Amino acid sequence: NAPPLPPEPAPHPGRTKATASAPATPSRLPVIDFLRGDAANGGVGGGRPRHTVAAQAGYFNEGFGARFSASYRTATRVTGGANGNLHFAPLATFDLRLFYNPGDDIGMALKHPWLSGTSIRLEISNVFDAKQRVRDQSGMVPLSYQADIINPIGRSVGITFRKLLIPTHFSQRPGPATTS
C-alpha cells in the first residue's frame, strides 16, 4: 500500500489568499487559485509550485570548461481533475556539461594546428534520473501519470565533436598596413 497523501496546509493567520488570477475578476467567472490546487489545464504538469529554485555555475580555463545547473520545485496539488485529487511530489534535477576546446589550449594548438576550431563536449541531463512522482487520493499512481510516461527520456548522455571548417586565411587577421 502507498503512503497516504499529506494533509493540506492550513492557511497562515494574517495572510491573504495568494491567487494567480487577475485581481479584478468578474463575479460570473470562477476564481482559479493555482497555489491551492486549481488547474486550468486539467492537472497536466502538476499545477503551480509555491517555490522554485534554479542555480547555475560554470568554469573555463585554457580550453577546459564545465557547467552545472540545478532546479528544484516544491510539491503541488491538483484538486478535482479527471483523476480526482492529485499530489505531485517535489522534484529536483541536475545537469552537467563538460567541454574541451583544443584550439584554446595553447600547447595543443601549437602541436596540432588542425584542431583549431574544434570542440568536444560531454552532456549529462538529469544526472540522477529524477522522475516526477504523482499519487491520487487513494495513494495510487494514475495510469497517465506514471513516471516513465511523464518523462520518457529520463537521464540522457550525449557526446558532441564539432569542427568549424573555415579556411585559415579567413580566420587570420590582417597585419598593419605598411607604406613604401
N, C-alpha and C. Protein backbone atom coordinates (compact mmCIF):
# COMPACT_ATOMS: atom_id res chain seq x y z
N ASN A 1 0.82 -1.18 0.00
CA ASN A 1 0.00 0.00 0.00
C ASN A 1 0.87 1.24 0.00
N ALA A 2 0.43 2.24 -0.73
CA ALA A 2 1.16 3.50 -0.81
C ALA A 2 0.85 4.35 0.41
N PRO A 3 1.79 5.22 0.80
CA PRO A 3 1.54 6.09 1.94
C PRO A 3 0.43 7.07 1.61
N PRO A 4 -0.33 7.52 2.63
CA PRO A 4 -1.42 8.48 2.36
C PRO A 4 -0.85 9.82 1.93
N LEU A 5 -1.67 10.60 1.27
CA LEU A 5 -1.26 11.93 0.83
C LEU A 5 -1.11 12.84 2.04
N PRO A 6 -0.15 13.79 1.97
CA PRO A 6 0.00 14.71 3.10
C PRO A 6 -1.22 15.61 3.19
N PRO A 7 -1.56 16.08 4.41
CA PRO A 7 -2.74 16.94 4.56
C PRO A 7 -2.48 18.30 3.94
N GLU A 8 -3.57 18.96 3.59
CA GLU A 8 -3.47 20.30 3.02
C GLU A 8 -3.00 21.25 4.11
N PRO A 9 -2.00 22.12 3.81
CA PRO A 9 -1.52 23.03 4.85
C PRO A 9 -2.59 24.04 5.23
N ALA A 10 -2.66 24.34 6.51
CA ALA A 10 -3.62 25.34 6.99
C ALA A 10 -3.12 26.72 6.62
N PRO A 11 -4.03 27.63 6.29
CA PRO A 11 -3.57 28.99 5.96
C PRO A 11 -2.96 29.66 7.17
N HIS A 12 -1.92 30.44 6.93
CA HIS A 12 -1.24 31.15 7.99
C HIS A 12 -2.11 32.32 8.44
N PRO A 13 -2.31 32.50 9.76
CA PRO A 13 -3.15 33.61 10.22
C PRO A 13 -2.53 34.95 9.82
N GLY A 14 -3.38 35.83 9.36
CA GLY A 14 -2.91 37.16 8.99
C GLY A 14 -2.46 37.29 7.56
N ARG A 15 -2.41 36.19 6.82
CA ARG A 15 -2.01 36.26 5.43
C ARG A 15 -3.24 36.19 4.54
N THR A 16 -3.16 36.88 3.45
CA THR A 16 -4.27 36.82 2.50
C THR A 16 -4.06 35.66 1.55
N LYS A 17 -5.11 35.24 0.92
CA LYS A 17 -5.06 34.12 -0.01
C LYS A 17 -4.31 34.54 -1.27
N ALA A 18 -3.25 33.81 -1.62
CA ALA A 18 -2.47 34.11 -2.82
C ALA A 18 -3.09 33.39 -4.00
N THR A 19 -3.47 34.14 -5.00
CA THR A 19 -4.04 33.54 -6.20
C THR A 19 -3.27 34.00 -7.41
N ALA A 20 -3.34 33.21 -8.46
CA ALA A 20 -2.67 33.56 -9.69
C ALA A 20 -3.64 34.17 -10.69
N SER A 21 -4.87 34.43 -10.29
CA SER A 21 -5.83 35.04 -11.19
C SER A 21 -5.75 36.56 -11.08
N ALA A 22 -6.37 37.23 -12.02
CA ALA A 22 -6.37 38.69 -12.01
C ALA A 22 -7.17 39.19 -10.82
N PRO A 23 -6.77 40.28 -10.19
CA PRO A 23 -7.49 40.74 -9.01
C PRO A 23 -8.91 41.21 -9.30
N ALA A 24 -9.15 41.75 -10.46
CA ALA A 24 -10.49 42.25 -10.79
C ALA A 24 -11.22 41.24 -11.67
N THR A 25 -11.58 40.09 -11.11
CA THR A 25 -12.28 39.05 -11.86
C THR A 25 -13.78 39.31 -11.78
N PRO A 26 -14.46 39.32 -12.92
CA PRO A 26 -15.92 39.49 -12.86
C PRO A 26 -16.55 38.38 -12.03
N SER A 27 -17.64 38.68 -11.34
CA SER A 27 -18.23 37.73 -10.40
C SER A 27 -18.79 36.50 -11.10
N ARG A 28 -19.07 36.54 -12.39
CA ARG A 28 -19.63 35.37 -13.07
C ARG A 28 -18.57 34.34 -13.45
N LEU A 29 -17.28 34.69 -13.35
CA LEU A 29 -16.21 33.75 -13.67
C LEU A 29 -15.64 33.17 -12.38
N PRO A 30 -15.29 31.88 -12.38
CA PRO A 30 -14.70 31.31 -11.17
C PRO A 30 -13.27 31.80 -10.97
N VAL A 31 -12.87 31.92 -9.72
CA VAL A 31 -11.51 32.30 -9.39
C VAL A 31 -10.65 31.05 -9.45
N ILE A 32 -9.54 31.12 -10.14
CA ILE A 32 -8.62 29.99 -10.23
C ILE A 32 -7.47 30.25 -9.28
N ASP A 33 -7.29 29.38 -8.31
CA ASP A 33 -6.23 29.51 -7.31
C ASP A 33 -5.22 28.39 -7.54
N PHE A 34 -4.20 28.67 -8.31
CA PHE A 34 -3.20 27.66 -8.67
C PHE A 34 -2.44 27.13 -7.46
N LEU A 35 -2.21 27.98 -6.46
CA LEU A 35 -1.45 27.54 -5.30
C LEU A 35 -2.24 26.63 -4.37
N ARG A 36 -3.54 26.60 -4.51
CA ARG A 36 -4.38 25.72 -3.67
C ARG A 36 -4.92 24.52 -4.44
N GLY A 37 -4.39 24.25 -5.63
CA GLY A 37 -4.75 23.03 -6.33
C GLY A 37 -5.63 23.18 -7.54
N ASP A 38 -6.11 24.38 -7.82
CA ASP A 38 -6.90 24.54 -9.04
C ASP A 38 -5.99 24.41 -10.25
N ALA A 39 -6.54 23.92 -11.35
CA ALA A 39 -5.75 23.74 -12.56
C ALA A 39 -6.56 24.17 -13.77
N ALA A 40 -5.94 24.96 -14.63
CA ALA A 40 -6.61 25.41 -15.84
C ALA A 40 -6.36 24.45 -16.99
N ASN A 41 -5.38 23.58 -16.86
CA ASN A 41 -5.02 22.67 -17.95
C ASN A 41 -5.32 21.22 -17.61
N GLY A 42 -6.26 20.97 -16.76
CA GLY A 42 -6.64 19.59 -16.43
C GLY A 42 -5.66 18.88 -15.53
N GLY A 43 -4.72 19.59 -14.91
CA GLY A 43 -3.78 18.97 -13.99
C GLY A 43 -2.52 18.46 -14.65
N VAL A 44 -2.38 18.65 -15.95
CA VAL A 44 -1.16 18.21 -16.63
C VAL A 44 -0.01 19.06 -16.14
N GLY A 45 1.06 18.45 -15.69
CA GLY A 45 2.21 19.16 -15.18
C GLY A 45 2.18 19.43 -13.69
N GLY A 46 1.06 19.22 -13.03
CA GLY A 46 1.02 19.28 -11.59
C GLY A 46 0.71 20.61 -10.97
N GLY A 47 0.07 21.50 -11.67
CA GLY A 47 -0.26 22.77 -11.05
C GLY A 47 0.97 23.65 -10.92
N ARG A 48 0.84 24.69 -10.14
CA ARG A 48 1.93 25.64 -10.00
C ARG A 48 2.57 25.47 -8.63
N PRO A 49 3.90 25.23 -8.56
CA PRO A 49 4.55 25.06 -7.26
C PRO A 49 4.63 26.39 -6.51
N ARG A 50 4.60 26.31 -5.20
CA ARG A 50 4.70 27.52 -4.37
C ARG A 50 6.12 28.10 -4.46
N HIS A 51 7.14 27.22 -4.55
CA HIS A 51 8.53 27.67 -4.61
C HIS A 51 9.27 26.92 -5.71
N THR A 52 10.09 27.64 -6.44
CA THR A 52 11.02 27.03 -7.40
C THR A 52 12.39 27.68 -7.19
N VAL A 53 13.42 26.88 -7.34
CA VAL A 53 14.79 27.37 -7.18
C VAL A 53 15.61 26.84 -8.35
N ALA A 54 16.43 27.70 -8.92
CA ALA A 54 17.33 27.30 -10.00
C ALA A 54 18.71 27.88 -9.72
N ALA A 55 19.74 27.10 -10.01
CA ALA A 55 21.11 27.56 -9.79
C ALA A 55 21.99 27.08 -10.94
N GLN A 56 22.98 27.89 -11.28
CA GLN A 56 23.93 27.53 -12.33
C GLN A 56 25.33 27.96 -11.90
N ALA A 57 26.30 27.18 -12.31
CA ALA A 57 27.70 27.53 -12.06
C ALA A 57 28.52 27.07 -13.25
N GLY A 58 29.58 27.81 -13.55
CA GLY A 58 30.43 27.44 -14.67
C GLY A 58 31.88 27.77 -14.40
N TYR A 59 32.75 27.10 -15.14
CA TYR A 59 34.19 27.31 -15.01
C TYR A 59 34.83 27.10 -16.39
N PHE A 60 35.80 27.96 -16.75
CA PHE A 60 36.51 27.81 -18.01
C PHE A 60 37.95 28.26 -17.82
N ASN A 61 38.89 27.45 -18.33
CA ASN A 61 40.31 27.79 -18.23
C ASN A 61 41.09 27.04 -19.31
N GLU A 62 41.75 27.79 -20.20
CA GLU A 62 42.63 27.25 -21.24
C GLU A 62 42.01 26.09 -22.01
N GLY A 63 40.80 26.28 -22.46
CA GLY A 63 40.15 25.28 -23.30
C GLY A 63 39.27 24.29 -22.56
N PHE A 64 39.47 24.14 -21.26
CA PHE A 64 38.65 23.21 -20.48
C PHE A 64 37.52 23.98 -19.80
N GLY A 65 36.35 23.35 -19.71
CA GLY A 65 35.25 24.04 -19.06
C GLY A 65 34.23 23.07 -18.51
N ALA A 66 33.42 23.58 -17.61
CA ALA A 66 32.35 22.79 -17.00
C ALA A 66 31.20 23.72 -16.69
N ARG A 67 30.00 23.19 -16.78
CA ARG A 67 28.80 23.95 -16.43
C ARG A 67 27.87 23.01 -15.68
N PHE A 68 27.36 23.49 -14.55
CA PHE A 68 26.48 22.71 -13.71
C PHE A 68 25.21 23.51 -13.50
N SER A 69 24.06 22.87 -13.62
CA SER A 69 22.81 23.56 -13.34
C SER A 69 21.91 22.64 -12.52
N ALA A 70 21.09 23.25 -11.69
CA ALA A 70 20.19 22.51 -10.82
C ALA A 70 18.87 23.25 -10.75
N SER A 71 17.78 22.50 -10.59
CA SER A 71 16.47 23.13 -10.40
C SER A 71 15.67 22.30 -9.40
N TYR A 72 14.82 22.98 -8.65
CA TYR A 72 14.00 22.34 -7.63
C TYR A 72 12.63 23.00 -7.63
N ARG A 73 11.60 22.19 -7.54
CA ARG A 73 10.24 22.71 -7.39
C ARG A 73 9.56 21.95 -6.26
N THR A 74 8.82 22.69 -5.45
CA THR A 74 8.15 22.08 -4.31
C THR A 74 6.95 21.26 -4.78
N ALA A 75 6.39 20.50 -3.86
CA ALA A 75 5.24 19.65 -4.17
C ALA A 75 4.05 20.51 -4.56
N THR A 76 3.20 19.95 -5.39
CA THR A 76 1.98 20.65 -5.81
C THR A 76 0.79 19.71 -5.70
N ARG A 77 -0.39 20.30 -5.74
CA ARG A 77 -1.63 19.54 -5.68
C ARG A 77 -2.54 20.02 -6.79
N VAL A 78 -3.31 19.10 -7.33
CA VAL A 78 -4.38 19.46 -8.26
C VAL A 78 -5.64 18.83 -7.70
N THR A 79 -6.66 19.64 -7.47
CA THR A 79 -7.90 19.13 -6.90
C THR A 79 -8.99 19.05 -7.95
N GLY A 80 -9.74 17.97 -7.90
CA GLY A 80 -10.93 17.82 -8.72
C GLY A 80 -10.70 17.64 -10.20
N GLY A 81 -9.56 17.12 -10.61
CA GLY A 81 -9.33 16.86 -12.03
C GLY A 81 -10.03 15.59 -12.48
N ALA A 82 -9.74 15.15 -13.69
CA ALA A 82 -10.35 13.94 -14.22
C ALA A 82 -9.97 12.71 -13.39
N ASN A 83 -8.79 12.74 -12.75
CA ASN A 83 -8.33 11.63 -11.92
C ASN A 83 -8.56 11.89 -10.43
N GLY A 84 -9.40 12.86 -10.10
CA GLY A 84 -9.61 13.21 -8.69
C GLY A 84 -8.50 14.13 -8.21
N ASN A 85 -8.27 14.15 -6.90
CA ASN A 85 -7.21 14.97 -6.34
C ASN A 85 -5.87 14.28 -6.58
N LEU A 86 -4.88 15.05 -7.04
CA LEU A 86 -3.55 14.50 -7.32
C LEU A 86 -2.51 15.24 -6.49
N HIS A 87 -1.50 14.49 -6.03
CA HIS A 87 -0.37 15.05 -5.30
C HIS A 87 0.89 14.82 -6.14
N PHE A 88 1.59 15.90 -6.49
CA PHE A 88 2.83 15.84 -7.24
C PHE A 88 3.97 16.07 -6.26
N ALA A 89 4.85 15.10 -6.10
CA ALA A 89 5.95 15.20 -5.14
C ALA A 89 6.95 16.27 -5.59
N PRO A 90 7.79 16.76 -4.66
CA PRO A 90 8.84 17.71 -5.05
C PRO A 90 9.76 17.08 -6.09
N LEU A 91 10.40 17.90 -6.90
CA LEU A 91 11.26 17.39 -7.97
C LEU A 91 12.53 18.23 -8.05
N ALA A 92 13.68 17.57 -8.01
CA ALA A 92 14.98 18.23 -8.17
C ALA A 92 15.71 17.57 -9.33
N THR A 93 16.26 18.36 -10.24
CA THR A 93 17.03 17.82 -11.36
C THR A 93 18.38 18.53 -11.43
N PHE A 94 19.38 17.82 -11.94
CA PHE A 94 20.74 18.34 -12.06
C PHE A 94 21.27 18.00 -13.44
N ASP A 95 21.95 18.96 -14.06
CA ASP A 95 22.55 18.77 -15.38
C ASP A 95 24.03 19.11 -15.29
N LEU A 96 24.85 18.42 -16.10
CA LEU A 96 26.29 18.65 -16.11
C LEU A 96 26.78 18.69 -17.54
N ARG A 97 27.62 19.68 -17.87
CA ARG A 97 28.22 19.80 -19.18
C ARG A 97 29.73 19.97 -19.00
N LEU A 98 30.50 19.11 -19.64
CA LEU A 98 31.96 19.23 -19.64
C LEU A 98 32.40 19.44 -21.08
N PHE A 99 33.35 20.34 -21.30
CA PHE A 99 33.79 20.57 -22.67
C PHE A 99 35.27 20.88 -22.73
N TYR A 100 35.82 20.67 -23.92
CA TYR A 100 37.23 20.93 -24.18
C TYR A 100 37.35 21.52 -25.58
N ASN A 101 37.96 22.68 -25.67
CA ASN A 101 38.22 23.34 -26.94
C ASN A 101 39.72 23.28 -27.20
N PRO A 102 40.21 22.31 -27.98
CA PRO A 102 41.65 22.17 -28.19
C PRO A 102 42.30 23.42 -28.77
N GLY A 103 41.59 24.19 -29.58
CA GLY A 103 42.15 25.40 -30.17
C GLY A 103 42.45 26.47 -29.13
N ASP A 104 41.80 26.43 -27.97
CA ASP A 104 42.05 27.39 -26.90
C ASP A 104 43.18 26.95 -25.98
N ASP A 105 43.62 25.71 -26.10
CA ASP A 105 44.74 25.17 -25.33
C ASP A 105 46.00 25.45 -26.13
N ILE A 106 46.84 26.38 -25.66
CA ILE A 106 47.99 26.85 -26.43
C ILE A 106 48.92 25.70 -26.80
N GLY A 107 49.21 24.82 -25.86
CA GLY A 107 50.11 23.69 -26.15
C GLY A 107 49.54 22.78 -27.23
N MET A 108 48.27 22.47 -27.15
CA MET A 108 47.63 21.59 -28.14
C MET A 108 47.54 22.28 -29.50
N ALA A 109 47.24 23.57 -29.52
CA ALA A 109 47.11 24.30 -30.78
C ALA A 109 48.44 24.40 -31.51
N LEU A 110 49.55 24.52 -30.77
CA LEU A 110 50.86 24.58 -31.42
C LEU A 110 51.27 23.22 -31.98
N LYS A 111 50.96 22.14 -31.29
CA LYS A 111 51.31 20.79 -31.76
C LYS A 111 50.42 20.35 -32.90
N HIS A 112 49.14 20.68 -32.85
CA HIS A 112 48.16 20.20 -33.84
C HIS A 112 47.31 21.38 -34.32
N PRO A 113 47.80 22.16 -35.29
CA PRO A 113 47.03 23.33 -35.74
C PRO A 113 45.69 22.97 -36.37
N TRP A 114 45.54 21.75 -36.86
CA TRP A 114 44.26 21.34 -37.46
C TRP A 114 43.13 21.27 -36.43
N LEU A 115 43.47 21.26 -35.13
CA LEU A 115 42.44 21.23 -34.09
C LEU A 115 41.84 22.60 -33.81
N SER A 116 42.35 23.65 -34.49
CA SER A 116 41.77 24.97 -34.32
C SER A 116 40.31 24.94 -34.77
N GLY A 117 39.43 25.46 -33.95
CA GLY A 117 38.01 25.48 -34.28
C GLY A 117 37.27 24.21 -33.91
N THR A 118 37.87 23.34 -33.09
CA THR A 118 37.18 22.11 -32.69
C THR A 118 36.69 22.24 -31.24
N SER A 119 35.69 21.46 -30.95
CA SER A 119 35.12 21.43 -29.61
C SER A 119 34.63 20.02 -29.32
N ILE A 120 34.91 19.52 -28.14
CA ILE A 120 34.44 18.21 -27.69
C ILE A 120 33.61 18.46 -26.43
N ARG A 121 32.40 17.89 -26.41
CA ARG A 121 31.51 18.17 -25.28
C ARG A 121 30.85 16.88 -24.79
N LEU A 122 30.77 16.73 -23.47
CA LEU A 122 30.03 15.65 -22.82
C LEU A 122 28.89 16.31 -22.04
N GLU A 123 27.65 15.92 -22.34
CA GLU A 123 26.48 16.48 -21.67
C GLU A 123 25.70 15.37 -20.97
N ILE A 124 25.38 15.60 -19.71
CA ILE A 124 24.54 14.67 -18.96
C ILE A 124 23.36 15.47 -18.43
N SER A 125 22.19 15.18 -18.95
CA SER A 125 20.97 15.85 -18.50
C SER A 125 20.26 14.94 -17.51
N ASN A 126 19.74 15.53 -16.44
CA ASN A 126 19.04 14.78 -15.39
C ASN A 126 19.98 13.70 -14.83
N VAL A 127 21.09 14.13 -14.27
CA VAL A 127 22.17 13.26 -13.81
C VAL A 127 21.68 12.11 -12.94
N PHE A 128 20.78 12.36 -12.01
CA PHE A 128 20.32 11.33 -11.08
C PHE A 128 19.02 10.66 -11.51
N ASP A 129 18.62 10.89 -12.77
CA ASP A 129 17.41 10.27 -13.36
C ASP A 129 16.18 10.52 -12.49
N ALA A 130 16.01 11.77 -12.07
CA ALA A 130 14.85 12.14 -11.23
C ALA A 130 13.58 12.07 -12.06
N LYS A 131 12.52 11.56 -11.45
CA LYS A 131 11.23 11.46 -12.12
C LYS A 131 10.15 12.03 -11.23
N GLN A 132 9.19 12.68 -11.87
CA GLN A 132 8.07 13.24 -11.13
C GLN A 132 7.21 12.11 -10.58
N ARG A 133 6.92 12.13 -9.31
CA ARG A 133 6.07 11.12 -8.65
C ARG A 133 4.69 11.72 -8.42
N VAL A 134 3.67 11.02 -8.86
CA VAL A 134 2.29 11.50 -8.75
C VAL A 134 1.46 10.43 -8.06
N ARG A 135 0.61 10.85 -7.12
CA ARG A 135 -0.30 9.94 -6.42
C ARG A 135 -1.70 10.54 -6.43
N ASP A 136 -2.70 9.67 -6.52
CA ASP A 136 -4.07 10.15 -6.42
C ASP A 136 -4.50 10.11 -4.95
N GLN A 137 -5.76 10.41 -4.67
CA GLN A 137 -6.22 10.49 -3.29
C GLN A 137 -6.18 9.16 -2.56
N SER A 138 -6.15 8.03 -3.30
CA SER A 138 -6.04 6.72 -2.63
C SER A 138 -4.59 6.27 -2.49
N GLY A 139 -3.65 7.09 -2.92
CA GLY A 139 -2.23 6.74 -2.81
C GLY A 139 -1.69 5.97 -4.00
N MET A 140 -2.48 5.74 -5.01
CA MET A 140 -2.06 5.01 -6.20
C MET A 140 -1.57 5.98 -7.27
N VAL A 141 -0.78 5.45 -8.20
CA VAL A 141 -0.29 6.25 -9.32
C VAL A 141 -1.27 6.08 -10.48
N PRO A 142 -1.93 7.17 -10.92
CA PRO A 142 -2.84 7.06 -12.07
C PRO A 142 -2.07 6.62 -13.31
N LEU A 143 -2.72 5.88 -14.18
CA LEU A 143 -2.08 5.32 -15.37
C LEU A 143 -1.40 6.40 -16.21
N SER A 144 -2.08 7.50 -16.45
CA SER A 144 -1.50 8.54 -17.31
C SER A 144 -0.43 9.38 -16.61
N TYR A 145 -0.18 9.14 -15.32
CA TYR A 145 0.83 9.89 -14.59
C TYR A 145 1.99 9.00 -14.13
N GLN A 146 2.18 7.85 -14.75
CA GLN A 146 3.32 7.01 -14.41
C GLN A 146 4.60 7.75 -14.79
N ALA A 147 5.64 7.56 -13.99
CA ALA A 147 6.88 8.33 -14.16
C ALA A 147 7.47 8.20 -15.56
N ASP A 148 7.44 7.01 -16.14
CA ASP A 148 8.04 6.84 -17.46
C ASP A 148 7.16 7.39 -18.58
N ILE A 149 5.90 7.67 -18.30
CA ILE A 149 5.04 8.31 -19.30
C ILE A 149 5.22 9.82 -19.23
N ILE A 150 5.33 10.37 -18.03
CA ILE A 150 5.53 11.82 -17.87
C ILE A 150 6.89 12.24 -18.43
N ASN A 151 7.93 11.47 -18.12
CA ASN A 151 9.29 11.79 -18.57
C ASN A 151 9.92 10.54 -19.19
N PRO A 152 9.63 10.25 -20.47
CA PRO A 152 10.13 9.01 -21.07
C PRO A 152 11.63 9.00 -21.31
N ILE A 153 12.27 10.16 -21.33
CA ILE A 153 13.72 10.20 -21.63
C ILE A 153 14.53 9.94 -20.37
N GLY A 154 14.18 10.55 -19.25
CA GLY A 154 14.95 10.36 -18.03
C GLY A 154 16.34 10.96 -18.17
N ARG A 155 17.34 10.22 -17.74
CA ARG A 155 18.73 10.68 -17.87
C ARG A 155 19.16 10.52 -19.33
N SER A 156 19.87 11.49 -19.84
CA SER A 156 20.41 11.36 -21.19
C SER A 156 21.87 11.80 -21.19
N VAL A 157 22.67 11.07 -21.96
CA VAL A 157 24.10 11.34 -22.07
C VAL A 157 24.41 11.57 -23.53
N GLY A 158 25.13 12.64 -23.81
CA GLY A 158 25.49 12.94 -25.19
C GLY A 158 26.94 13.35 -25.31
N ILE A 159 27.55 12.96 -26.42
CA ILE A 159 28.92 13.35 -26.73
C ILE A 159 28.89 14.05 -28.07
N THR A 160 29.50 15.23 -28.14
CA THR A 160 29.49 16.02 -29.36
C THR A 160 30.92 16.37 -29.74
N PHE A 161 31.24 16.20 -31.02
CA PHE A 161 32.51 16.67 -31.58
C PHE A 161 32.15 17.65 -32.68
N ARG A 162 32.69 18.86 -32.60
CA ARG A 162 32.37 19.89 -33.57
C ARG A 162 33.66 20.46 -34.14
N LYS A 163 33.66 20.69 -35.45
CA LYS A 163 34.82 21.28 -36.13
C LYS A 163 34.32 22.35 -37.07
N LEU A 164 34.79 23.57 -36.89
CA LEU A 164 34.46 24.65 -37.81
C LEU A 164 35.37 24.52 -39.03
N LEU A 165 34.77 24.48 -40.20
CA LEU A 165 35.54 24.32 -41.44
C LEU A 165 35.69 25.68 -42.12
N ILE A 166 36.54 26.50 -41.55
CA ILE A 166 36.81 27.83 -42.09
C ILE A 166 38.25 27.82 -42.60
N PRO A 167 38.45 28.23 -43.85
CA PRO A 167 39.85 28.29 -44.34
C PRO A 167 40.68 29.22 -43.46
N THR A 168 41.95 28.89 -43.31
CA THR A 168 42.81 29.64 -42.39
C THR A 168 42.98 31.09 -42.80
N HIS A 169 42.93 31.40 -44.11
CA HIS A 169 43.12 32.79 -44.50
C HIS A 169 41.93 33.67 -44.08
N PHE A 170 40.75 33.08 -43.78
CA PHE A 170 39.63 33.87 -43.28
C PHE A 170 39.76 34.13 -41.78
N SER A 171 40.40 33.22 -41.08
CA SER A 171 40.50 33.38 -39.63
C SER A 171 41.71 34.21 -39.21
N GLN A 172 42.64 34.48 -40.14
CA GLN A 172 43.81 35.28 -39.80
C GLN A 172 43.47 36.75 -39.96
N ARG A 173 43.91 37.54 -39.02
CA ARG A 173 43.67 38.98 -39.08
C ARG A 173 44.77 39.62 -39.91
N PRO A 174 44.41 40.61 -40.71
CA PRO A 174 45.45 41.27 -41.48
C PRO A 174 46.35 42.10 -40.56
N GLY A 175 47.61 42.17 -40.92
CA GLY A 175 48.57 42.96 -40.14
C GLY A 175 48.40 44.43 -40.43
N PRO A 176 49.19 45.26 -39.77
CA PRO A 176 49.10 46.70 -40.01
C PRO A 176 49.53 47.04 -41.43
N ALA A 177 48.88 48.02 -41.97
CA ALA A 177 49.21 48.44 -43.34
C ALA A 177 50.57 49.11 -43.35
N THR A 178 51.36 48.83 -44.37
CA THR A 178 52.69 49.43 -44.49
C THR A 178 52.72 50.28 -45.75
N THR A 179 53.46 51.32 -45.70
CA THR A 179 53.62 52.18 -46.88
C THR A 179 55.05 52.11 -47.35
N SER A 180 55.24 52.14 -48.66
CA SER A 180 56.61 52.08 -49.19
C SER A 180 56.99 53.39 -49.80
